[in-house]
Amino acid sequence: MNSQEIKNLLKTNGVKQLNIASSLGVSHVAVSLVVRNRAVSSRIRQAIAEAVNKPISDLWPEQEQV
């Protein structure tokens, strides 16, 4: 999926990137970088995937899981 599709999934599920960041104790910028595929964090990816009820591989199929 591209970053806009992931953002749309988050919005559809009523989840804000800021809430994910807060729950993980990271900055909202860190979450945004992962959503935009500019950074890789398995912990942030997992939180996003859980928030939208999808497997990580559905959201980032092109990259190996780190």
N, C-alpha and C. Protein backbone atom coordinates (compact mmCIF):
# COMPACT_ATOMS: atom_id res chain seq x y z
N MET A 1 0.85 -1.19 0.00
CA MET A 1 0.00 0.00 0.00
C MET A 1 0.88 1.24 0.00
N ASN A 2 0.36 2.28 -0.57
CA ASN A 2 1.12 3.53 -0.50
C ASN A 2 0.71 4.30 0.76
N SER A 3 1.43 5.36 1.03
CA SER A 3 1.21 6.10 2.27
C SER A 3 -0.20 6.68 2.35
N GLN A 4 -0.75 7.13 1.25
CA GLN A 4 -2.09 7.70 1.28
C GLN A 4 -3.13 6.64 1.63
N GLU A 5 -2.95 5.44 1.12
CA GLU A 5 -3.87 4.35 1.46
C GLU A 5 -3.80 4.01 2.95
N ILE A 6 -2.60 4.02 3.50
CA ILE A 6 -2.45 3.74 4.93
C ILE A 6 -3.10 4.86 5.75
N LYS A 7 -2.87 6.10 5.34
CA LYS A 7 -3.50 7.24 6.03
C LYS A 7 -5.03 7.12 5.97
N ASN A 8 -5.55 6.73 4.83
CA ASN A 8 -7.00 6.58 4.68
C ASN A 8 -7.53 5.47 5.59
N LEU A 9 -6.79 4.36 5.69
CA LEU A 9 -7.20 3.27 6.58
C LEU A 9 -7.23 3.75 8.03
N LEU A 10 -6.21 4.50 8.42
CA LEU A 10 -6.18 5.03 9.79
C LEU A 10 -7.39 5.93 10.02
N LYS A 11 -7.65 6.82 9.08
CA LYS A 11 -8.78 7.74 9.22
C LYS A 11 -10.10 6.98 9.28
N THR A 12 -10.27 6.01 8.41
CA THR A 12 -11.49 5.20 8.38
C THR A 12 -11.72 4.49 9.72
N ASN A 13 -10.62 4.08 10.34
CA ASN A 13 -10.71 3.38 11.62
C ASN A 13 -10.69 4.32 12.82
N GLY A 14 -10.71 5.63 12.56
CA GLY A 14 -10.75 6.61 13.63
C GLY A 14 -9.47 6.68 14.44
N VAL A 15 -8.35 6.38 13.81
CA VAL A 15 -7.06 6.36 14.51
C VAL A 15 -6.20 7.50 13.99
N LYS A 16 -5.63 8.25 14.92
CA LYS A 16 -4.72 9.33 14.55
C LYS A 16 -3.28 8.88 14.78
N GLN A 17 -2.41 9.32 13.90
CA GLN A 17 -0.99 9.00 14.05
C GLN A 17 -0.48 9.48 15.41
N LEU A 18 -0.98 10.60 15.87
CA LEU A 18 -0.57 11.15 17.15
C LEU A 18 -0.91 10.19 18.29
N ASN A 19 -2.05 9.52 18.21
CA ASN A 19 -2.45 8.55 19.24
C ASN A 19 -1.52 7.34 19.24
N ILE A 20 -1.15 6.88 18.06
CA ILE A 20 -0.22 5.75 17.98
C ILE A 20 1.12 6.17 18.58
N ALA A 21 1.58 7.35 18.22
CA ALA A 21 2.86 7.85 18.74
C ALA A 21 2.82 7.93 20.26
N SER A 22 1.76 8.47 20.78
CA SER A 22 1.63 8.63 22.23
C SER A 22 1.62 7.29 22.94
N SER A 23 0.91 6.32 22.39
CA SER A 23 0.83 5.00 23.03
C SER A 23 2.18 4.27 23.00
N LEU A 24 3.01 4.59 22.02
CA LEU A 24 4.31 3.93 21.91
C LEU A 24 5.44 4.74 22.56
N GLY A 25 5.13 5.98 22.92
CA GLY A 25 6.17 6.82 23.50
C GLY A 25 7.18 7.31 22.49
N VAL A 26 6.70 7.53 21.26
CA VAL A 26 7.57 8.05 20.20
C VAL A 26 6.94 9.34 19.67
N SER A 27 7.67 10.05 18.85
CA SER A 27 7.13 11.29 18.28
C SER A 27 6.16 10.97 17.14
N HIS A 28 5.27 11.92 16.90
CA HIS A 28 4.35 11.74 15.76
C HIS A 28 5.11 11.75 14.45
N VAL A 29 6.27 12.40 14.44
CA VAL A 29 7.11 12.41 13.25
C VAL A 29 7.62 11.00 12.94
N ALA A 30 7.98 10.26 13.98
CA ALA A 30 8.45 8.88 13.78
C ALA A 30 7.36 8.03 13.13
N VAL A 31 6.13 8.19 13.60
CA VAL A 31 5.01 7.43 13.02
C VAL A 31 4.78 7.87 11.58
N SER A 32 4.82 9.15 11.34
CA SER A 32 4.63 9.67 9.99
C SER A 32 5.69 9.15 9.03
N LEU A 33 6.93 9.09 9.48
CA LEU A 33 8.00 8.57 8.63
C LEU A 33 7.78 7.11 8.26
N VAL A 34 7.28 6.33 9.19
CA VAL A 34 6.99 4.92 8.90
C VAL A 34 5.82 4.83 7.93
N VAL A 35 4.77 5.60 8.16
CA VAL A 35 3.61 5.59 7.25
C VAL A 35 4.05 5.96 5.84
N ARG A 36 4.94 6.94 5.72
CA ARG A 36 5.40 7.40 4.41
C ARG A 36 6.54 6.54 3.85
N ASN A 37 6.89 5.47 4.58
CA ASN A 37 7.92 4.53 4.14
C ASN A 37 9.30 5.20 4.02
N ARG A 38 9.52 6.20 4.86
CA ARG A 38 10.82 6.88 4.91
C ARG A 38 11.68 6.33 6.03
N ALA A 39 11.06 5.55 6.92
CA ALA A 39 11.77 4.90 8.02
C ALA A 39 11.11 3.56 8.28
N VAL A 40 11.85 2.66 8.89
CA VAL A 40 11.33 1.33 9.20
C VAL A 40 11.44 1.10 10.69
N SER A 41 10.32 0.74 11.29
CA SER A 41 10.28 0.37 12.70
C SER A 41 9.24 -0.73 12.84
N SER A 42 9.70 -1.91 13.20
CA SER A 42 8.75 -3.02 13.32
C SER A 42 7.72 -2.74 14.40
N ARG A 43 8.11 -2.06 15.45
CA ARG A 43 7.18 -1.75 16.55
C ARG A 43 6.09 -0.78 16.10
N ILE A 44 6.48 0.25 15.36
CA ILE A 44 5.49 1.21 14.86
C ILE A 44 4.62 0.57 13.78
N ARG A 45 5.23 -0.21 12.91
CA ARG A 45 4.44 -0.91 11.89
C ARG A 45 3.40 -1.83 12.54
N GLN A 46 3.82 -2.54 13.57
CA GLN A 46 2.90 -3.45 14.26
C GLN A 46 1.73 -2.68 14.85
N ALA A 47 2.01 -1.54 15.47
CA ALA A 47 0.95 -0.73 16.08
C ALA A 47 -0.03 -0.21 15.02
N ILE A 48 0.50 0.21 13.89
CA ILE A 48 -0.37 0.69 12.81
C ILE A 48 -1.22 -0.45 12.27
N ALA A 49 -0.59 -1.59 12.04
CA ALA A 49 -1.32 -2.75 11.53
C ALA A 49 -2.44 -3.18 12.49
N GLU A 50 -2.15 -3.19 13.77
CA GLU A 50 -3.17 -3.55 14.76
C GLU A 50 -4.29 -2.52 14.77
N ALA A 51 -3.95 -1.25 14.61
CA ALA A 51 -4.95 -0.19 14.64
C ALA A 51 -5.94 -0.30 13.48
N VAL A 52 -5.47 -0.81 12.35
CA VAL A 52 -6.35 -0.92 11.18
C VAL A 52 -6.78 -2.37 10.93
N ASN A 53 -6.39 -3.26 11.83
CA ASN A 53 -6.79 -4.66 11.76
C ASN A 53 -6.37 -5.33 10.45
N LYS A 54 -5.11 -5.10 10.09
CA LYS A 54 -4.54 -5.71 8.89
C LYS A 54 -3.17 -6.28 9.23
N PRO A 55 -2.72 -7.30 8.51
CA PRO A 55 -1.35 -7.78 8.71
C PRO A 55 -0.35 -6.75 8.18
N ILE A 56 0.81 -6.71 8.81
CA ILE A 56 1.86 -5.80 8.38
C ILE A 56 2.17 -6.01 6.90
N SER A 57 2.19 -7.26 6.46
CA SER A 57 2.53 -7.57 5.06
C SER A 57 1.52 -6.99 4.07
N ASP A 58 0.29 -6.73 4.52
CA ASP A 58 -0.69 -6.07 3.64
C ASP A 58 -0.36 -4.59 3.47
N LEU A 59 0.16 -3.98 4.52
CA LEU A 59 0.44 -2.55 4.49
C LEU A 59 1.78 -2.23 3.82
N TRP A 60 2.78 -3.09 4.06
CA TRP A 60 4.11 -2.89 3.49
C TRP A 60 4.58 -4.17 2.81
N PRO A 61 3.93 -4.58 1.73
CA PRO A 61 4.27 -5.87 1.10
C PRO A 61 5.63 -5.84 0.38
N GLU A 62 6.08 -4.68 0.00
CA GLU A 62 7.30 -4.58 -0.79
C GLU A 62 8.58 -4.68 0.02
N GLN A 63 8.48 -4.62 1.34
CA GLN A 63 9.69 -4.62 2.14
C GLN A 63 9.74 -5.81 3.08
N GLU A 64 10.94 -6.27 3.30
CA GLU A 64 11.15 -7.31 4.31
C GLU A 64 10.80 -6.74 5.67
N GLN A 65 10.23 -7.58 6.51
CA GLN A 65 9.92 -7.12 7.86
C GLN A 65 11.18 -7.06 8.69
N VAL A 66 11.36 -5.98 9.38
CA VAL A 66 12.57 -5.77 10.19
C VAL A 66 12.22 -6.00 11.65
